[in-house]
Protein backbone atom coordinates (compact mmCIF):
# COMPACT_ATOMS: atom_id res chain seq x y z
CA MET A 1 0.07 -0.05 -0.14
CA SER A 2 1.30 3.55 -0.91
CA PRO A 3 2.06 6.01 1.83
CA ARG A 4 -0.96 8.38 2.13
CA LYS A 5 -0.20 11.95 0.64
CA SER A 6 -0.01 14.85 3.33
CA SER A 7 -2.22 17.82 2.86
CA PRO A 8 -0.73 21.13 2.37
CA LEU A 9 -1.92 22.31 5.65
CA GLU A 10 -0.10 19.26 7.02
CA ASN A 11 3.00 20.24 5.38
CA VAL A 12 3.11 23.80 6.87
CA LEU A 13 2.15 22.43 10.25
CA GLY A 14 5.23 19.96 9.84
CA ARG A 15 7.20 23.44 9.57
CA VAL A 16 5.60 25.50 12.25
CA ASP A 17 8.73 26.00 14.31
CA ASP A 18 10.40 27.57 11.15
CA LEU A 19 7.72 30.16 10.39
CA ASP A 20 8.34 33.80 11.38
CA GLN A 21 5.80 35.96 13.09
CA GLN A 22 3.83 36.88 9.87
CA ASN A 23 3.65 33.52 8.22
CA LEU A 24 2.55 32.07 11.44
CA ALA A 25 -0.28 34.49 11.77
CA ILE A 26 -1.27 33.69 8.10
CA LEU A 27 -1.45 30.06 9.21
CA VAL A 28 -3.61 30.91 12.19
CA GLN A 29 -6.26 32.61 10.28
CA ARG A 30 -5.81 29.60 8.01
CA LEU A 31 -6.62 27.10 10.55
CA ALA A 32 -9.46 29.47 12.07
CA ARG A 33 -11.00 29.63 8.59
CA GLU A 34 -11.09 25.81 8.20
CA ARG A 35 -12.53 25.47 11.72
CA ARG A 36 -15.36 27.83 10.85
CA LEU A 37 -16.22 26.14 7.57
CA LEU A 38 -15.87 22.52 9.23
CA GLU A 39 -18.26 23.80 12.01
CA THR A 40 -20.75 25.21 9.49
CA VAL A 41 -20.79 21.71 7.72
CA PHE A 42 -21.34 19.64 10.84
CA ASN A 43 -24.20 22.34 11.96
CA THR A 44 -26.03 21.60 8.52
CA ILE A 45 -26.24 17.76 9.11
CA ARG A 46 -29.39 16.91 10.78
CA GLU A 47 -27.82 13.78 12.58
CA GLY A 48 -26.26 14.80 16.06
CA ILE A 49 -22.33 14.31 16.23
CA LEU A 50 -20.65 14.49 19.52
CA VAL A 51 -16.94 13.81 20.44
CA ILE A 52 -16.70 12.55 23.92
CA GLY A 53 -13.45 12.05 25.99
CA ARG A 54 -12.88 9.88 29.26
CA GLY A 55 -15.71 9.21 31.67
CA GLY A 56 -18.14 10.43 28.80
CA VAL A 57 -17.29 14.37 29.10
CA ILE A 58 -18.83 15.93 25.73
CA ASN A 59 -15.67 17.79 24.16
CA TYR A 60 -17.33 18.41 20.80
CA ALA A 61 -21.12 18.80 19.41
CA ASN A 62 -23.03 20.25 16.62
CA ALA A 63 -26.28 21.77 16.65
CA ALA A 64 -28.27 19.03 16.15
CA ALA A 65 -26.74 17.04 18.95
CA ALA A 66 -27.24 19.72 21.35
CA GLY A 67 -30.76 20.21 20.56
CA LEU A 68 -31.36 16.10 20.46
CA ILE A 69 -30.20 15.70 24.12
CA GLY A 70 -31.00 18.94 25.42
CA PHE A 71 -27.98 20.48 26.77
CA PRO A 72 -26.23 24.73 25.71
CA LEU A 73 -23.20 24.34 23.29
CA LYS A 74 -21.81 26.82 26.11
CA ASP A 75 -21.38 23.73 28.56
CA LEU A 76 -18.94 22.00 26.47
CA GLY A 77 -16.28 20.20 28.30
CA ARG A 78 -18.35 20.27 31.41
CA VAL A 79 -21.47 18.17 30.66
CA ILE A 80 -21.26 14.24 30.74
CA LEU A 81 -23.18 12.57 28.10
CA TRP A 82 -24.44 9.99 30.86
CA LYS A 83 -25.97 12.95 32.81
CA CYS A 84 -27.62 13.97 29.66
CA VAL A 85 -28.64 10.81 28.45
CA PRO A 86 -29.00 8.14 31.27
CA GLU A 87 -31.12 5.80 29.35
CA LEU A 88 -28.14 5.01 27.06
CA ALA A 89 -25.91 4.79 30.47
CA ARG A 90 -28.19 1.88 31.32
CA THR A 91 -28.29 0.33 27.96
CA LEU A 92 -24.43 0.01 28.30
CA HIS A 93 -24.34 -0.63 32.16
CA LEU A 94 -22.61 2.07 33.02
CA ASP A 95 -22.49 4.51 36.07
CA LEU A 96 -22.77 8.30 35.56
CA GLY A 97 -19.16 8.65 35.57
CA GLY A 98 -18.89 5.40 33.47
CA ASP A 99 -16.11 5.24 30.58
CA LEU A 100 -16.42 3.33 27.30
CA LYS A 101 -12.65 2.20 27.71
CA GLU A 102 -11.62 -0.21 24.82
CA LEU A 103 -15.36 -1.12 23.73
CA SER A 104 -15.56 -0.76 19.85
CA GLY A 105 -18.65 0.08 17.70
CA ILE A 106 -21.89 0.33 19.80
CA SER A 107 -25.21 0.76 18.11
CA ARG A 108 -28.16 1.05 20.19
CA GLU A 109 -31.86 2.73 19.99
CA VAL A 110 -32.85 4.69 23.18
CA GLU A 111 -36.18 6.15 24.15
CA VAL A 112 -35.35 9.68 25.75
CA THR A 113 -37.89 11.80 27.30
CA TYR A 114 -35.68 14.75 27.64
CA PRO A 115 -36.13 17.69 26.16
CA ARG A 116 -38.81 15.47 24.55
CA GLU A 117 -40.04 12.12 24.11
CA ARG A 118 -38.30 10.47 20.80
CA ILE A 119 -36.26 7.58 19.93
CA LEU A 120 -32.85 7.80 18.91
CA SER A 121 -30.44 5.76 17.46
CA VAL A 122 -26.84 6.06 18.78
CA TYR A 123 -23.90 4.80 17.14
CA ILE A 124 -20.60 4.97 19.32
CA VAL A 125 -17.48 4.02 17.85
CA PRO A 126 -13.29 4.99 18.98
CA LEU A 127 -11.66 7.71 17.30
CA HIS A 128 -8.37 6.97 15.91
CA ILE A 129 -6.09 9.38 14.82
CA GLU A 130 -3.49 8.60 12.49
CA ASN A 131 0.19 8.83 13.49
CA ALA A 132 -1.03 10.46 16.71
CA PRO A 133 0.87 9.80 20.14
CA GLU A 134 -0.70 6.87 21.93
CA ALA A 135 -2.05 9.18 24.57
CA THR A 136 -3.32 11.63 22.34
CA GLU A 137 -5.41 8.87 20.94
CA ARG A 138 -6.83 7.99 24.34
CA GLU A 139 -7.84 11.44 24.90
CA ALA A 140 -9.68 11.87 21.57
CA GLY A 141 -12.12 9.35 22.92
CA HIS A 142 -15.42 8.43 20.97
CA ALA A 143 -17.39 9.66 18.23
CA VAL A 144 -21.33 9.70 18.79
CA ILE A 145 -23.57 10.06 16.31
CA LEU A 146 -27.36 10.47 16.75
CA SER A 147 -30.36 10.14 14.68
CA ASP A 148 -34.09 10.87 15.26
CA ILE A 149 -35.84 7.54 14.09
CA THR A 150 -38.96 8.53 16.04
CA GLU A 151 -41.24 9.17 12.80
CA GLU A 152 -39.75 6.48 11.32
CA LYS A 153 -40.39 3.64 14.26
CA GLU A 154 -43.88 5.17 14.39
CA SER A 155 -44.59 4.73 10.82
CA ALA A 156 -43.65 1.43 10.87
CA ARG A 157 -45.67 0.74 14.21
CA GLN A 158 -48.24 2.25 12.36
CA HIS A 159 -47.99 0.17 9.11
CA VAL A 160 -47.68 -3.10 11.34
CA GLU A 161 -50.71 -2.02 13.41
CA SER A 162 -52.90 -1.38 10.40
CA GLU A 163 -51.80 -4.77 8.74
CA LYS A 164 -53.04 -6.49 11.89
CA VAL A 165 -56.23 -4.29 11.90
CA GLN A 166 -56.67 -4.80 8.25
CA SER A 167 -56.45 -8.73 8.72
CA VAL A 168 -58.72 -8.99 11.53
CA ILE A 169 -61.23 -6.64 9.58
CA ASP A 170 -61.35 -8.76 6.17
CA LEU A 171 -61.75 -11.79 8.36
CA ALA A 172 -64.40 -10.43 10.27
CA ALA A 173 -66.02 -8.66 7.49
CA GLY A 174 -65.78 -12.25 5.41
CA VAL A 175 -67.39 -13.72 8.18
CA ALA A 176 -70.63 -11.20 8.55
CA HIS A 177 -70.89 -11.75 4.63
CA GLU A 178 -71.32 -15.40 4.62
CA LEU A 179 -73.67 -15.27 7.60
CA GLY A 180 -75.88 -12.97 4.99
CA ASN A 181 -76.43 -16.35 2.90
CA PRO A 182 -78.10 -18.57 5.52
CA LEU A 183 -80.12 -15.33 6.60
CA ASN A 184 -81.15 -14.93 2.60
CA SER A 185 -82.46 -18.70 2.40
CA ILE A 186 -84.27 -18.13 6.12
CA THR A 187 -86.10 -15.32 4.79
CA ILE A 188 -87.14 -17.21 1.67
CA HIS A 189 -88.44 -20.27 3.52
CA LEU A 190 -90.35 -18.05 6.13
CA GLN A 191 -92.23 -16.21 3.01
CA LEU A 192 -92.92 -19.96 1.66
CA ALA A 193 -94.13 -20.64 5.57
CA ARG A 194 -96.47 -17.61 5.56
CA ARG A 195 -98.20 -18.64 2.39
CA GLN A 196 -98.90 -22.15 3.75
CA ALA A 197 -100.04 -20.49 6.38
CA GLU A 198 -102.36 -18.20 4.69
CA LYS A 199 -104.20 -21.27 3.12
CA LEU A 200 -105.36 -22.60 6.89
CA GLU A 201 -108.68 -21.95 8.43
CA LYS A 202 -108.75 -18.92 10.57
CA GLY A 203 -108.51 -19.86 14.16
CA ALA A 204 -106.27 -20.43 16.81
CA ARG A 205 -103.74 -22.65 15.23
CA ARG A 206 -103.41 -20.47 11.73
CA GLU A 207 -102.94 -17.37 14.49
CA LYS A 208 -100.39 -18.80 16.67
CA LEU A 209 -98.56 -20.11 13.50
CA GLU A 210 -98.49 -16.50 12.11
CA LYS A 211 -97.51 -14.84 15.33
CA ALA A 212 -94.33 -17.28 15.45
CA LEU A 213 -93.47 -16.48 11.77
CA THR A 214 -93.83 -12.73 12.55
CA VAL A 215 -91.48 -13.04 15.60
CA CYS A 216 -89.13 -14.70 13.35
CA GLY A 217 -89.09 -12.51 10.51
CA GLY A 218 -88.58 -10.02 12.97
CA GLU A 219 -85.20 -11.65 14.36
CA VAL A 220 -84.06 -12.13 11.05
CA GLU A 221 -84.62 -8.49 10.05
CA ARG A 222 -82.57 -7.50 13.39
CA LEU A 223 -79.62 -9.82 12.65
CA ASP A 224 -79.63 -8.55 9.08
CA GLY A 225 -79.56 -4.86 10.41
CA ILE A 226 -76.62 -5.70 12.91
CA ILE A 227 -74.53 -7.44 10.02
CA LYS A 228 -75.09 -4.16 7.91
CA HIS A 229 -73.98 -2.03 10.29
CA PHE A 230 -71.10 -4.17 11.37
CA LEU A 231 -70.13 -4.07 7.71
CA GLU A 232 -70.72 -0.12 7.46
CA ALA A 233 -68.36 0.28 10.67
CA VAL A 234 -65.44 -1.95 9.74
CA ARG A 235 -65.39 -0.90 6.54
CA PRO A 236 -66.46 2.48 6.13
CA ALA A 237 -66.94 4.29 2.47
CA GLU A 238 -64.63 6.84 1.62
CA PRO A 239 -65.76 10.14 2.93
CA ASP A 240 -67.72 12.43 0.54
CA LEU A 241 -65.42 15.68 1.62
CA ALA A 242 -67.48 18.95 1.56
CA GLU A 243 -67.09 22.33 3.62
CA LEU A 244 -68.03 21.60 6.89
CA ASP A 245 -69.11 23.57 10.06
CA LEU A 246 -67.61 21.08 12.95
CA VAL A 247 -69.79 23.20 15.69
CA ALA A 248 -72.61 22.75 13.89
CA VAL A 249 -72.34 18.83 13.50
CA LEU A 250 -71.02 19.08 17.17
CA GLU A 251 -74.21 20.64 18.14
CA GLU A 252 -76.40 18.27 15.96
CA SER A 253 -74.61 15.19 17.85
CA LEU A 254 -75.35 16.87 21.35
CA GLU A 255 -79.08 17.29 20.48
CA PHE A 256 -79.08 13.94 19.66
CA LEU A 257 -77.67 12.50 22.75
CA GLY A 258 -79.11 15.36 24.97
CA GLN A 259 -81.61 13.61 26.63
CA GLU A 260 -79.37 10.43 27.01
CA ILE A 261 -76.82 12.46 28.82
CA THR A 262 -79.63 14.34 30.87
CA ASP A 263 -81.19 11.19 32.00
CA SER A 264 -77.67 9.91 33.11
CA GLY A 265 -77.78 12.91 35.64
CA LEU A 266 -74.64 14.62 33.80
CA LEU A 267 -73.80 18.04 33.25
CA VAL A 268 -72.42 19.10 29.86
CA ASP A 269 -70.28 22.19 30.10
CA VAL A 270 -70.05 23.56 26.46
CA ASP A 271 -67.77 26.25 25.45
CA LEU A 272 -67.73 26.21 21.02
CA GLY A 273 -65.80 29.66 20.82
CA SER A 274 -66.75 31.69 18.01
CA GLY A 275 -64.97 32.02 14.20
CA LEU A 276 -63.97 28.54 14.09
CA PRO A 277 -62.34 27.78 10.46
CA PRO A 278 -64.10 25.41 8.28
CA VAL A 279 -62.91 21.70 7.20
CA MET A 280 -63.20 19.44 4.52
CA GLY A 281 -65.18 16.54 5.82
CA ASP A 282 -68.09 13.63 5.63
CA ARG A 283 -70.75 15.32 7.65
CA GLY A 284 -72.09 11.51 8.44
CA GLN A 285 -68.43 10.11 9.32
CA VAL A 286 -67.82 13.34 11.53
CA LYS A 287 -71.11 13.12 13.09
CA GLN A 288 -70.35 9.15 14.27
CA VAL A 289 -67.17 10.22 15.47
CA PHE A 290 -68.69 12.84 17.85
CA PHE A 291 -71.47 10.15 18.57
CA ASN A 292 -69.06 7.30 19.53
CA ILE A 293 -66.66 9.89 21.65
CA LEU A 294 -70.00 11.62 23.42
CA LYS A 295 -71.30 8.26 24.08
CA ASN A 296 -68.19 6.58 25.64
CA ALA A 297 -67.89 9.60 27.99
CA ARG A 298 -71.59 9.49 29.13
CA GLU A 299 -71.05 5.40 29.45
CA ALA A 300 -67.77 6.08 31.67
CA THR A 301 -69.07 9.12 33.66
CA PRO A 302 -71.38 8.44 36.89
CA SER A 303 -73.97 10.60 37.61
CA GLY A 304 -73.27 14.01 38.97
CA GLY A 305 -70.27 14.15 36.44
CA LYS A 306 -69.15 16.39 34.20
CA ILE A 307 -68.46 16.52 30.08
CA ARG A 308 -66.33 19.42 29.01
CA ILE A 309 -66.38 20.34 25.40
CA ARG A 310 -64.01 23.12 23.66
CA THR A 311 -62.92 24.29 20.56
CA SER A 312 -59.70 25.86 19.43
CA PHE A 313 -57.58 26.55 16.44
CA ASP A 314 -54.41 27.27 14.97
CA ASP A 315 -52.78 28.03 11.53
CA GLU A 316 -53.39 24.77 10.31
CA PHE A 317 -55.75 22.71 12.39
CA VAL A 318 -58.93 22.73 14.26
CA TYR A 319 -59.37 21.08 17.59
CA ILE A 320 -62.25 19.64 19.23
CA GLN A 321 -61.58 18.72 23.00
CA ILE A 322 -64.14 16.38 24.67
CA ALA A 323 -63.20 15.63 28.58
CA ASP A 324 -65.13 13.59 31.15
CA ASN A 325 -64.37 13.30 34.99
CA GLY A 326 -65.30 9.62 34.62
CA GLN A 327 -63.59 6.14 35.49
CA GLY A 328 -60.52 6.81 33.18
CA ILE A 329 -58.65 4.24 31.27
CA ASP A 330 -56.01 1.88 32.89
CA GLU A 331 -52.29 2.83 31.76
CA LYS A 332 -51.84 -0.82 30.62
CA ASP A 333 -55.31 -0.72 28.37
CA MET A 334 -54.12 2.46 26.86
CA PRO A 335 -52.08 1.00 24.00
CA ARG A 336 -54.80 -1.25 23.04
CA ILE A 337 -57.77 1.55 22.88
CA PHE A 338 -57.69 1.70 19.08
CA ARG A 339 -57.61 -2.19 18.45
CA PRO A 340 -60.51 -4.23 16.87
CA TYR A 341 -62.64 -5.77 19.41
CA PHE A 342 -60.83 -4.71 22.48
CA THR A 343 -63.40 -3.43 25.19
CA THR A 344 -63.70 -2.75 28.80
CA LYS A 345 -67.56 -2.51 28.87
CA ALA A 346 -69.50 -5.64 29.48
CA ASP A 347 -71.76 -5.13 26.70
CA GLY A 348 -69.18 -3.42 24.27
CA ASN A 349 -68.28 -5.01 20.68
CA GLY A 350 -64.60 -3.14 20.41
CA LEU A 351 -65.15 -1.15 17.23
CA GLY A 352 -66.17 2.31 18.21
CA MET A 353 -62.68 3.59 18.88
CA MET A 354 -61.27 1.79 16.09
CA VAL A 355 -64.03 3.29 13.59
CA VAL A 356 -63.35 6.83 15.13
CA GLN A 357 -59.23 6.22 14.49
CA ARG A 358 -59.84 5.26 10.68
CA ILE A 359 -62.23 7.99 9.97
CA MET A 360 -60.09 10.87 11.41
CA ARG A 361 -57.15 9.46 9.36
CA ALA A 362 -59.25 9.76 6.17
CA HIS A 363 -60.02 13.08 7.12
CA GLY A 364 -56.20 13.76 7.18
CA GLY A 365 -56.77 14.28 11.00
CA ARG A 366 -55.44 12.66 14.26
CA ILE A 367 -56.68 11.88 17.29
CA GLY A 368 -55.37 12.18 21.02
CA LEU A 369 -56.02 10.40 24.12
CA ASP A 370 -55.02 11.31 27.77
CA SER A 371 -56.58 9.39 30.47
CA GLN A 372 -55.94 8.56 34.19
CA LYS A 373 -57.81 5.82 35.60
CA GLY A 374 -60.29 7.22 38.42
CA LYS A 375 -59.90 10.84 37.37
CA GLY A 376 -61.10 10.82 33.80
CA THR A 377 -60.49 11.14 29.76
CA VAL A 378 -59.51 13.70 27.54
CA VAL A 379 -59.97 13.04 23.82
CA THR A 380 -58.51 15.55 21.05
CA LEU A 381 -59.66 15.75 17.47
CA GLN A 382 -57.38 17.47 15.00
CA PHE A 383 -58.78 18.42 11.71
CA PRO A 384 -57.08 20.06 9.21
CA GLN A 385 -58.16 23.54 8.02
CA LYS A 386 -59.90 23.80 4.67
CA GLN A 387 -57.22 26.58 3.49
CA ARG A 388 -54.50 25.06 4.93
CA LYS A 389 -52.79 23.70 1.67
CA VAL A 390 -53.37 26.94 0.37
CA ARG A 391 -51.63 28.80 3.39
CA LEU A 392 -48.98 26.38 3.04
CA LEU A 393 -48.48 27.43 -0.95
CA GLU A 394 -48.41 31.06 -0.49
CA GLY A 395 -46.08 31.12 2.33
CA GLY A 396 -43.69 28.74 0.05
CA LYS A 397 -43.98 31.74 -2.19
CA GLY A 398 -42.14 33.80 0.01
């Protein structure tokens, strides 16, 4: 292998002892320019870059790294990485003053809570400085590369979850469809039985038979309705989007459930504000979202409790918040709330919140859930404003 060629700067540095004061000043200026250039390049990189010395002391950090782990750049040389990211120290089995010593390349995924909750990919590798004295290389320590993979992980999780939900929905829809075939057959035979009953002489026997056939027919219609509504729930139609006033739809939902809520002994505290921007939505589907959430709040809240409804908006979204002070949701159940057939109700079918989430996603919106056992639940619905895309395009022109 041919020896590596020295750079012009290295050649100059090799003769630094021979430089006069003027040339030395020029060299210092050149070094300062190169340092600024390198710092500018590193600060444009989205990944965080750290250099840590003994005990995990952070000797260098670019802007992205400082933002990811939340420390001021002015504290370089005094901050210990393991104190900024204790979760990383735990995964590496280090105490807060721990040293990586001779460990080579290390790769970890770490969930951090400060400065905000996110998932970081962390890669740690020893720094090897060519032709440097051994003591200098030991002092150089390790390079740490940080990447924020929160969205990537969340996207993968949602993809897996969607596939699971879709497979269950397809199975359930297939079963529901197959149930329709014997019901159709039963309906036909009931019609034939009615015709035979009509040929009998009027009397107690005919009356009893006709009554039985009426009951059977009613039950078949009820089952057919259940299957129809079930299929509509698990396979909602594409939303028929039109300009929508969310306050008007919410008021309709409250009016529909008003008597039911009143009979449950609940107080409804409504502050719908004014000037709420319109959204693009399917009126029937959005009403179903409000209906399901309000119904859940009513069923979860004991008599004397309160349901609080608030609206707000920012430059991009309209928010509807529905809160109750009912029984709340156990922490272990929170990740399963939107899964099909999961329910904490004795007579629930476990489809309501799944349908709500599917409708919100189809509208380009989101649903947030915050709950504490015994204290209540807050549901936040986020709808994109009708003019959101227009604003973004206009802003981009500037």
